[in-house]
Structure formats: structure tokens, C-alpha cells
Amino acid sequence: MLKKILLTAMTAVLLFTTGCDPQQPPVDKPDKPKPVQTENTDKKVEPETKEKPAEKKDTAQKFQTQEIKVFFPDDSGMKLVAVARTIKFVDESEKYSAALSELMQTPKEEGLTNIFPKHTKIKNVSRMGDTVIVDFDKDIAKNFVGGSTGEEFLVNSIVNTLTEFNEVNQVRFLIDGKEIETIAGHMDLSEPVKKIENEE
């Protein structure tokens, strides 16, 4: 009997000191919750801006047009024949070189010919008063193969074409920027040349 009392008392002391309920299993303590990171809403969100493409500048040049007559020799070498051409140019000062460029092309009309020597190039065209000054490269003289008639047709086709412009009365010829006396020795070009009237 005494043993039972002592056993009961020891069990009670043990339970008191451990604080455990023998009938309930130990409960695991939950882990401390980890702090949740939140976005900082105080920051100002800049709206997305798309760069506007650079505006395209209108670089296209505006051309003027003018209908003129250009003068080609006929195949028989008897006369100059006027044919209509439309020239394009940006500035008024360019219309003279535009007219000469048309004259230097092979004519599309039957019975007409191009009198310019091969590889001839225009170096510069300008106007002073009623005179247009045409500066050719040296090939106009170097590659010239015609006689006196050919030289006359070459010069007069240029003069008659350029004097189609109302403000032009005569043409002065240069080669490589220098004044010349002649192209092929048959025609005096030391002075400006005026239009002749033997065209069709």
C-alpha cells in the first residue's frame, strides 16, 4: 500500500516538473513565418515613351519643264532641222546645259544626225547678259573628224539651240576654260557667234 502511494506521488512530481501530458504527443512548434517581400508602391512608374521616327524631309527636287527647239544637221549635210524637245531643270541657270544635253543625244527622228565628236563633255555653261558661255572639254577638238561644213554645223547647231531662249542672242565658246579661235581651223570663234537662219 505504501509503495502505491509513493509511486503515485513520484509520477505526479514528474508530470509537474516536465509539464507534459503523457497521453498527448509533443506538438511541433511551427516555423516562424518568413517576411513577405512586397513591391514598393511609392516608386513612380514612368509611362513608356516611344521615340517618334524622325520626320522625313522632302529632299525631292522640284523640276521645271520647258519645251524648246534643238537643231540637228540632216544626213545630207545641207541644213539644220529644228525638232521639239522638253527639257527639265531645277534652276533657271541649268536650262542651257539641259538644252545642250538634248542636242548631244542621237536624234530619234529619221534623216537627222548627231554632229558632236565622241566623248565630248560639257564642263560649264553660264550666261553673261545676252551671251551664253559654253565651256567644253578638249575632246570636242581632239576627236573632231569633220571638215569645214562639219564644223559650221556643229557650231551653228549649238548657237541656234541656245538662242531659242529669249534672253540669249549669241554664244561664246571655250575649251577647258580658255578662249579659243577655232575648233578645227575652219570657223572663227574668237568672238561670240550669233544665230544663223539656214535651218528648216
Foldseek 3Di string as FASTA:
>chain_A
DVVVVVVVVVVVVVCVVVVDDVVDDDDDDDDDDDDDDDDDPVDDDDDDDDDDPDDDDDPDADKDKDKFWFWFAFPVLQATATDIDIFIDRDPQCVLVRLVVVLQDADPDPRTGRLFFPPKDWPDWGDDFQEIETEIELRRQVRHDDDLSSQVRVQQSSQVRNVRPVRHFWYAYHYPPHHDQGRHPRHGRNDTDGHDPRHD
